[in-house]
Amino acid sequence: MTGFTIEGSSLKLLKPQEQGVVSRIDSSRGDFVAQKLRSMNITLGTRVTVEQRSPRFLLRVGADQVALSDPLQDAIYVRLSR
């Protein structure tokens, strides 16, 4: 039997200091969610780092730190960075 690796994940499952590249944004959550993410410079291909999970979910996007609500977290899927 061979081992396997998980290469993609919901953003919510990442731990602090884990990184990923946005690979999908769930469009079923509505235009508001997609627009809000774009306003935070979170688009397909964006490299992100989880900085903190609680009490607020904080994400590093480039030089910026942004706080994400549950609906925004739920909409983001990432390809894990090593």
PDB file of N, CA and C in Angstrom:
ATOM      1  N   MET A   1       0.849  -1.173   0.000  1.00  0.00           N
ATOM      2  CA  MET A   1       0.000   0.000   0.000  1.00  0.00           C
ATOM      3  C   MET A   1       0.899   1.241   0.000  1.00  0.00           C
ATOM      4  N   THR A   2       0.548   2.227  -0.795  1.00  0.00           N
ATOM      5  CA  THR A   2       1.343   3.451  -0.860  1.00  0.00           C
ATOM      6  C   THR A   2       0.688   4.540  -0.037  1.00  0.00           C
ATOM      7  N   GLY A   3       1.501   5.498   0.393  1.00  0.00           N
ATOM      8  CA  GLY A   3       0.967   6.636   1.132  1.00  0.00           C
ATOM      9  C   GLY A   3       0.289   7.609   0.190  1.00  0.00           C
ATOM     10  N   PHE A   4      -0.368   8.580   0.755  1.00  0.00           N
ATOM     11  CA  PHE A   4      -0.999   9.599  -0.063  1.00  0.00           C
ATOM     12  C   PHE A   4      -0.853  10.933   0.644  1.00  0.00           C
ATOM     13  N   THR A   5      -1.055  11.992  -0.107  1.00  0.00           N
ATOM     14  CA  THR A   5      -1.019  13.327   0.479  1.00  0.00           C
ATOM     15  C   THR A   5      -2.288  14.058   0.101  1.00  0.00           C
ATOM     16  N   ILE A   6      -2.697  14.924   0.967  1.00  0.00           N
ATOM     17  CA  ILE A   6      -3.831  15.788   0.672  1.00  0.00           C
ATOM     18  C   ILE A   6      -3.246  17.064   0.093  1.00  0.00           C
ATOM     19  N   GLU A   7      -3.656  17.405  -1.104  1.00  0.00           N
ATOM     20  CA  GLU A   7      -3.077  18.573  -1.758  1.00  0.00           C
ATOM     21  C   GLU A   7      -4.005  19.774  -1.758  1.00  0.00           C
ATOM     22  N   GLY A   8      -5.289  19.558  -1.477  1.00  0.00           N
ATOM     23  CA  GLY A   8      -6.237  20.653  -1.454  1.00  0.00           C
ATOM     24  C   GLY A   8      -7.085  20.588  -0.207  1.00  0.00           C
ATOM     25  N   SER A   9      -7.634  21.741   0.172  1.00  0.00           N
ATOM     26  CA  SER A   9      -8.377  21.791   1.424  1.00  0.00           C
ATOM     27  C   SER A   9      -9.278  23.011   1.454  1.00  0.00           C
ATOM     28  N   SER A  10     -10.318  22.913   2.259  1.00  0.00           N
ATOM     29  CA  SER A  10     -11.066  24.105   2.618  1.00  0.00           C
ATOM     30  C   SER A  10     -10.132  24.979   3.452  1.00  0.00           C
ATOM     31  N   LEU A  11     -10.197  26.264   3.251  1.00  0.00           N
ATOM     32  CA  LEU A  11      -9.355  27.179   4.025  1.00  0.00           C
ATOM     33  C   LEU A  11      -9.562  26.982   5.524  1.00  0.00           C
ATOM     34  N   LYS A  12     -10.798  26.680   5.919  1.00  0.00           N
ATOM     35  CA  LYS A  12     -11.124  26.539   7.347  1.00  0.00           C
ATOM     36  C   LYS A  12     -10.325  25.439   8.038  1.00  0.00           C
ATOM     37  N   LEU A  13      -9.809  24.484   7.281  1.00  0.00           N
ATOM     38  CA  LEU A  13      -9.101  23.357   7.878  1.00  0.00           C
ATOM     39  C   LEU A  13      -7.618  23.627   8.115  1.00  0.00           C
ATOM     40  N   LEU A  14      -7.109  24.717   7.559  1.00  0.00           N
ATOM     41  CA  LEU A  14      -5.694  25.034   7.755  1.00  0.00           C
ATOM     42  C   LEU A  14      -5.441  25.502   9.181  1.00  0.00           C
ATOM     43  N   LYS A  15      -4.251  25.199   9.668  1.00  0.00           N
ATOM     44  CA  LYS A  15      -3.822  25.608  11.003  1.00  0.00           C
ATOM     45  C   LYS A  15      -2.991  26.883  10.884  1.00  0.00           C
ATOM     46  N   PRO A  16      -2.820  27.602  11.996  1.00  0.00           N
ATOM     47  CA  PRO A  16      -1.971  28.793  11.945  1.00  0.00           C
ATOM     48  C   PRO A  16      -0.588  28.476  11.367  1.00  0.00           C
ATOM     49  N   GLN A  17      -0.120  29.377  10.531  1.00  0.00           N
ATOM     50  CA  GLN A  17       1.156  29.326   9.813  1.00  0.00           C
ATOM     51  C   GLN A  17       1.128  28.424   8.580  1.00  0.00           C
ATOM     52  N   GLU A  18       0.034  27.716   8.334  1.00  0.00           N
ATOM     53  CA  GLU A  18      -0.056  26.933   7.097  1.00  0.00           C
ATOM     54  C   GLU A  18      -0.429  27.859   5.951  1.00  0.00           C
ATOM     55  N   GLN A  19       0.114  27.533   4.775  1.00  0.00           N
ATOM     56  CA  GLN A  19      -0.076  28.362   3.589  1.00  0.00           C
ATOM     57  C   GLN A  19      -0.788  27.586   2.498  1.00  0.00           C
ATOM     58  N   GLY A  20      -1.436  28.343   1.638  1.00  0.00           N
ATOM     59  CA  GLY A  20      -2.059  27.743   0.475  1.00  0.00           C
ATOM     60  C   GLY A  20      -2.222  28.783  -0.616  1.00  0.00           C
ATOM     61  N   VAL A  21      -2.577  28.293  -1.788  1.00  0.00           N
ATOM     62  CA  VAL A  21      -2.872  29.155  -2.926  1.00  0.00           C
ATOM     63  C   VAL A  21      -4.344  28.948  -3.252  1.00  0.00           C
ATOM     64  N   VAL A  22      -5.095  30.035  -3.346  1.00  0.00           N
ATOM     65  CA  VAL A  22      -6.532  29.931  -3.596  1.00  0.00           C
ATOM     66  C   VAL A  22      -6.756  29.224  -4.930  1.00  0.00           C
ATOM     67  N   SER A  23      -7.444  28.083  -4.866  1.00  0.00           N
ATOM     68  CA  SER A  23      -7.688  27.289  -6.070  1.00  0.00           C
ATOM     69  C   SER A  23      -9.152  27.311  -6.497  1.00  0.00           C
ATOM     70  N   ARG A  24     -10.036  27.685  -5.572  1.00  0.00           N
ATOM     71  CA  ARG A  24     -11.464  27.740  -5.906  1.00  0.00           C
ATOM     72  C   ARG A  24     -12.165  28.663  -4.930  1.00  0.00           C
ATOM     73  N   ILE A  25     -13.123  29.410  -5.457  1.00  0.00           N
ATOM     74  CA  ILE A  25     -14.013  30.220  -4.628  1.00  0.00           C
ATOM     75  C   ILE A  25     -15.421  29.754  -4.946  1.00  0.00           C
ATOM     76  N   ASP A  26     -16.115  29.288  -3.939  1.00  0.00           N
ATOM     77  CA  ASP A  26     -17.448  28.710  -4.105  1.00  0.00           C
ATOM     78  C   ASP A  26     -18.436  29.797  -4.516  1.00  0.00           C
ATOM     79  N   SER A  27     -18.825  29.788  -5.783  1.00  0.00           N
ATOM     80  CA  SER A  27     -19.714  30.817  -6.319  1.00  0.00           C
ATOM     81  C   SER A  27     -21.164  30.629  -5.886  1.00  0.00           C
ATOM     82  N   SER A  28     -21.498  29.476  -5.326  1.00  0.00           N
ATOM     83  CA  SER A  28     -22.884  29.256  -4.894  1.00  0.00           C
ATOM     84  C   SER A  28     -23.225  30.103  -3.671  1.00  0.00           C
ATOM     85  N   ARG A  29     -22.242  30.730  -3.083  1.00  0.00           N
ATOM     86  CA  ARG A  29     -22.472  31.553  -1.889  1.00  0.00           C
ATOM     87  C   ARG A  29     -22.907  32.973  -2.234  1.00  0.00           C
ATOM     88  N   GLY A  30     -23.014  33.265  -3.522  1.00  0.00           N
ATOM     89  CA  GLY A  30     -23.547  34.554  -3.944  1.00  0.00           C
ATOM     90  C   GLY A  30     -22.481  35.553  -4.345  1.00  0.00           C
ATOM     91  N   ASP A  31     -22.934  36.566  -5.083  1.00  0.00           N
ATOM     92  CA  ASP A  31     -22.037  37.603  -5.591  1.00  0.00           C
ATOM     93  C   ASP A  31     -21.399  38.425  -4.477  1.00  0.00           C
ATOM     94  N   PHE A  32     -22.145  38.643  -3.383  1.00  0.00           N
ATOM     95  CA  PHE A  32     -21.600  39.460  -2.295  1.00  0.00           C
ATOM     96  C   PHE A  32     -20.303  38.866  -1.761  1.00  0.00           C
ATOM     97  N   VAL A  33     -20.294  37.547  -1.569  1.00  0.00           N
ATOM     98  CA  VAL A  33     -19.102  36.884  -1.029  1.00  0.00           C
ATOM     99  C   VAL A  33     -17.929  37.055  -1.991  1.00  0.00           C
ATOM    100  N   ALA A  34     -18.150  36.797  -3.270  1.00  0.00           N
ATOM    101  CA  ALA A  34     -17.079  36.932  -4.262  1.00  0.00           C
ATOM    102  C   ALA A  34     -16.578  38.376  -4.329  1.00  0.00           C
ATOM    103  N   GLN A  35     -17.494  39.336  -4.287  1.00  0.00           N
ATOM    104  CA  GLN A  35     -17.094  40.746  -4.334  1.00  0.00           C
ATOM    105  C   GLN A  35     -16.289  41.133  -3.099  1.00  0.00           C
ATOM    106  N   LYS A  36     -16.720  40.666  -1.939  1.00  0.00           N
ATOM    107  CA  LYS A  36     -16.013  40.975  -0.691  1.00  0.00           C
ATOM    108  C   LYS A  36     -14.593  40.402  -0.727  1.00  0.00           C
ATOM    109  N   LEU A  37     -14.464  39.161  -1.209  1.00  0.00           N
ATOM    110  CA  LEU A  37     -13.138  38.549  -1.301  1.00  0.00           C
ATOM    111  C   LEU A  37     -12.248  39.316  -2.275  1.00  0.00           C
ATOM    112  N   ARG A  38     -12.805  39.721  -3.416  1.00  0.00           N
ATOM    113  CA  ARG A  38     -12.025  40.511  -4.376  1.00  0.00           C
ATOM    114  C   ARG A  38     -11.555  41.822  -3.746  1.00  0.00           C
ATOM    115  N   SER A  39     -12.423  42.445  -2.939  1.00  0.00           N
ATOM    116  CA  SER A  39     -12.045  43.713  -2.303  1.00  0.00           C
ATOM    117  C   SER A  39     -10.896  43.523  -1.310  1.00  0.00           C
ATOM    118  N   MET A  40     -10.706  42.284  -0.842  1.00  0.00           N
ATOM    119  CA  MET A  40      -9.603  41.955   0.069  1.00  0.00           C
ATOM    120  C   MET A  40      -8.402  41.412  -0.695  1.00  0.00           C
ATOM    121  N   ASN A  41      -8.452  41.485  -2.040  1.00  0.00           N
ATOM    122  CA  ASN A  41      -7.398  40.960  -2.916  1.00  0.00           C
ATOM    123  C   ASN A  41      -7.247  39.449  -2.819  1.00  0.00           C
ATOM    124  N   ILE A  42      -8.343  38.752  -2.512  1.00  0.00           N
ATOM    125  CA  ILE A  42      -8.342  37.291  -2.470  1.00  0.00           C
ATOM    126  C   ILE A  42      -9.035  36.803  -3.734  1.00  0.00           C
ATOM    127  N   THR A  43      -8.225  36.321  -4.674  1.00  0.00           N
ATOM    128  CA  THR A  43      -8.720  35.819  -5.952  1.00  0.00           C
ATOM    129  C   THR A  43      -8.006  34.506  -6.257  1.00  0.00           C
ATOM    130  N   LEU A  44      -8.413  33.843  -7.322  1.00  0.00           N
ATOM    131  CA  LEU A  44      -7.743  32.603  -7.715  1.00  0.00           C
ATOM    132  C   LEU A  44      -6.253  32.867  -7.901  1.00  0.00           C
ATOM    133  N   GLY A  45      -5.438  31.991  -7.354  1.00  0.00           N
ATOM    134  CA  GLY A  45      -3.994  32.123  -7.481  1.00  0.00           C
ATOM    135  C   GLY A  45      -3.324  32.920  -6.371  1.00  0.00           C
ATOM    136  N   THR A  46      -4.116  33.522  -5.486  1.00  0.00           N
ATOM    137  CA  THR A  46      -3.551  34.311  -4.388  1.00  0.00           C
ATOM    138  C   THR A  46      -2.950  33.395  -3.326  1.00  0.00           C
ATOM    139  N   ARG A  47      -1.721  33.683  -2.904  1.00  0.00           N
ATOM    140  CA  ARG A  47      -1.082  32.932  -1.814  1.00  0.00           C
ATOM    141  C   ARG A  47      -1.545  33.534  -0.494  1.00  0.00           C
ATOM    142  N   VAL A  48      -1.993  32.670   0.422  1.00  0.00           N
ATOM    143  CA  VAL A  48      -2.494  33.113   1.720  1.00  0.00           C
ATOM    144  C   VAL A  48      -1.849  32.294   2.836  1.00  0.00           C
ATOM    145  N   THR A  49      -1.759  32.887   4.013  1.00  0.00           N
ATOM    146  CA  THR A  49      -1.240  32.214   5.203  1.00  0.00           C
ATOM    147  C   THR A  49      -2.219  32.439   6.344  1.00  0.00           C
ATOM    148  N   VAL A  50      -2.630  31.361   6.997  1.00  0.00           N
ATOM    149  CA  VAL A  50      -3.487  31.496   8.175  1.00  0.00           C
ATOM    150  C   VAL A  50      -2.606  31.967   9.325  1.00  0.00           C
ATOM    151  N   GLU A  51      -2.973  33.079   9.928  1.00  0.00           N
ATOM    152  CA  GLU A  51      -2.195  33.614  11.047  1.00  0.00           C
ATOM    153  C   GLU A  51      -2.827  33.284  12.392  1.00  0.00           C
ATOM    154  N   GLN A  52      -4.147  33.211  12.422  1.00  0.00           N
ATOM    155  CA  GLN A  52      -4.845  32.971  13.691  1.00  0.00           C
ATOM    156  C   GLN A  52      -6.218  32.410  13.368  1.00  0.00           C
ATOM    157  N   ARG A  53      -6.681  31.467  14.188  1.00  0.00           N
ATOM    158  CA  ARG A  53      -8.007  30.876  13.974  1.00  0.00           C
ATOM    159  C   ARG A  53      -9.049  31.409  14.953  1.00  0.00           C
ATOM    160  N   SER A  54      -8.619  31.786  16.151  1.00  0.00           N
ATOM    161  CA  SER A  54      -9.582  32.332  17.100  1.00  0.00           C
ATOM    162  C   SER A  54      -8.869  33.309  18.030  1.00  0.00           C
ATOM    163  N   PRO A  55      -9.540  34.293  18.563  1.00  0.00           N
ATOM    164  CA  PRO A  55     -10.981  34.475  18.483  1.00  0.00           C
ATOM    165  C   PRO A  55     -11.462  34.945  17.114  1.00  0.00           C
ATOM    166  N   ARG A  56     -10.567  35.472  16.284  1.00  0.00           N
ATOM    167  CA  ARG A  56     -10.934  35.859  14.917  1.00  0.00           C
ATOM    168  C   ARG A  56     -10.051  35.095  13.952  1.00  0.00           C
ATOM    169  N   PHE A  57     -10.609  34.754  12.791  1.00  0.00           N
ATOM    170  CA  PHE A  57      -9.852  34.058  11.759  1.00  0.00           C
ATOM    171  C   PHE A  57      -9.085  35.118  10.978  1.00  0.00           C
ATOM    172  N   LEU A  58      -7.760  35.141  11.141  1.00  0.00           N
ATOM    173  CA  LEU A  58      -6.922  36.137  10.476  1.00  0.00           C
ATOM    174  C   LEU A  58      -6.076  35.473   9.404  1.00  0.00           C
ATOM    175  N   LEU A  59      -6.040  36.133   8.259  1.00  0.00           N
ATOM    176  CA  LEU A  59      -5.357  35.603   7.090  1.00  0.00           C
ATOM    177  C   LEU A  59      -4.370  36.640   6.587  1.00  0.00           C
ATOM    178  N   ARG A  60      -3.158  36.218   6.244  1.00  0.00           N
ATOM    179  CA  ARG A  60      -2.160  37.093   5.625  1.00  0.00           C
ATOM    180  C   ARG A  60      -2.320  36.973   4.115  1.00  0.00           C
ATOM    181  N   VAL A  61      -2.546  38.119   3.479  1.00  0.00           N
ATOM    182  CA  VAL A  61      -2.678  38.192   2.022  1.00  0.00           C
ATOM    183  C   VAL A  61      -1.657  39.224   1.561  1.00  0.00           C
ATOM    184  N   GLY A  62      -0.535  38.753   1.042  1.00  0.00           N
ATOM    185  CA  GLY A  62       0.548  39.676   0.699  1.00  0.00           C
ATOM    186  C   GLY A  62       1.044  40.354   1.961  1.00  0.00           C
ATOM    187  N   ALA A  63       1.068  41.688   1.961  1.00  0.00           N
ATOM    188  CA  ALA A  63       1.512  42.443   3.134  1.00  0.00           C
ATOM    189  C   ALA A  63       0.361  42.759   4.083  1.00  0.00           C
ATOM    190  N   ASP A  64      -0.859  42.387   3.697  1.00  0.00           N
ATOM    191  CA  ASP A  64      -2.044  42.727   4.482  1.00  0.00           C
ATOM    192  C   ASP A  64      -2.504  41.570   5.352  1.00  0.00           C
ATOM    193  N   GLN A  65      -3.126  41.931   6.464  1.00  0.00           N
ATOM    194  CA  GLN A  65      -3.774  40.950   7.327  1.00  0.00           C
ATOM    195  C   GLN A  65      -5.266  41.256   7.283  1.00  0.00           C
ATOM    196  N   VAL A  66      -6.084  40.230   7.002  1.00  0.00           N
ATOM    197  CA  VAL A  66      -7.527  40.428   6.921  1.00  0.00           C
ATOM    198  C   VAL A  66      -8.231  39.445   7.847  1.00  0.00           C
ATOM    199  N   ALA A  67      -9.370  39.878   8.383  1.00  0.00           N
ATOM    200  CA  ALA A  67     -10.208  39.021   9.216  1.00  0.00           C
ATOM    201  C   ALA A  67     -11.350  38.509   8.344  1.00  0.00           C
ATOM    202  N   LEU A  68     -11.590  37.205   8.402  1.00  0.00           N
ATOM    203  CA  LEU A  68     -12.634  36.603   7.577  1.00  0.00           C
ATOM    204  C   LEU A  68     -13.773  36.074   8.436  1.00  0.00           C
ATOM    205  N   SER A  69     -14.990  36.406   8.040  1.00  0.00           N
ATOM    206  CA  SER A  69     -16.182  35.854   8.680  1.00  0.00           C
ATOM    207  C   SER A  69     -16.355  34.403   8.238  1.00  0.00           C
ATOM    208  N   ASP A  70     -17.229  33.669   8.917  1.00  0.00           N
ATOM    209  CA  ASP A  70     -17.474  32.268   8.553  1.00  0.00           C
ATOM    210  C   ASP A  70     -17.889  32.100   7.093  1.00  0.00           C
ATOM    211  N   PRO A  71     -18.839  32.909   6.571  1.00  0.00           N
ATOM    212  CA  PRO A  71     -19.220  32.720   5.161  1.00  0.00           C
ATOM    213  C   PRO A  71     -18.055  32.916   4.190  1.00  0.00           C
ATOM    214  N   LEU A  72     -17.158  33.841   4.497  1.00  0.00           N
ATOM    215  CA  LEU A  72     -16.004  34.058   3.623  1.00  0.00           C
ATOM    216  C   LEU A  72     -15.033  32.888   3.720  1.00  0.00           C
ATOM    217  N   GLN A  73     -14.810  32.392   4.922  1.00  0.00           N
ATOM    218  CA  GLN A  73     -13.935  31.223   5.097  1.00  0.00           C
ATOM    219  C   GLN A  73     -14.488  30.021   4.340  1.00  0.00           C
ATOM    220  N   ASP A  74     -15.796  29.824   4.445  1.00  0.00           N
ATOM    221  CA  ASP A  74     -16.444  28.667   3.819  1.00  0.00           C
ATOM    222  C   ASP A  74     -16.310  28.663   2.300  1.00  0.00           C
ATOM    223  N   ALA A  75     -16.171  29.829   1.711  1.00  0.00           N
ATOM    224  CA  ALA A  75     -16.155  29.939   0.253  1.00  0.00           C
ATOM    225  C   ALA A  75     -14.791  29.653  -0.370  1.00  0.00           C
ATOM    226  N   ILE A  76     -13.736  29.593   0.433  1.00  0.00           N
ATOM    227  CA  ILE A  76     -12.373  29.514  -0.103  1.00  0.00           C
ATOM    228  C   ILE A  76     -11.804  28.104   0.025  1.00  0.00           C
ATOM    229  N   TYR A  77     -11.263  27.624  -1.088  1.00  0.00           N
ATOM    230  CA  TYR A  77     -10.532  26.350  -1.120  1.00  0.00           C
ATOM    231  C   TYR A  77      -9.128  26.646  -1.614  1.00  0.00           C
ATOM    232  N   VAL A  78      -8.161  25.957  -1.029  1.00  0.00           N
ATOM    233  CA  VAL A  78      -6.765  26.233  -1.367  1.00  0.00           C
ATOM    234  C   VAL A  78      -6.023  24.967  -1.769  1.00  0.00           C
ATOM    235  N   ARG A  79      -4.979  25.168  -2.560  1.00  0.00           N
ATOM    236  CA  ARG A  79      -3.985  24.131  -2.844  1.00  0.00           C
ATOM    237  C   ARG A  79      -2.887  24.364  -1.823  1.00  0.00           C
ATOM    238  N   LEU A  80      -2.557  23.358  -1.063  1.00  0.00           N
ATOM    239  CA  LEU A  80      -1.599  23.518   0.027  1.00  0.00           C
ATOM    240  C   LEU A  80      -0.200  23.799  -0.504  1.00  0.00           C
ATOM    241  N   SER A  81       0.497  24.698   0.182  1.00  0.00           N
ATOM    242  CA  SER A  81       1.889  25.018  -0.147  1.00  0.00           C
ATOM    243  C   SER A  81       2.787  24.288   0.826  1.00  0.00           C
ATOM    244  N   ARG A  82       3.922  23.854   0.343  1.00  0.00           N
ATOM    245  CA  ARG A  82       4.864  23.138   1.212  1.00  0.00           C
ATOM    246  C   ARG A  82       6.063  23.967   1.488  1.00  0.00           C
TER     247      ARG A  82
END
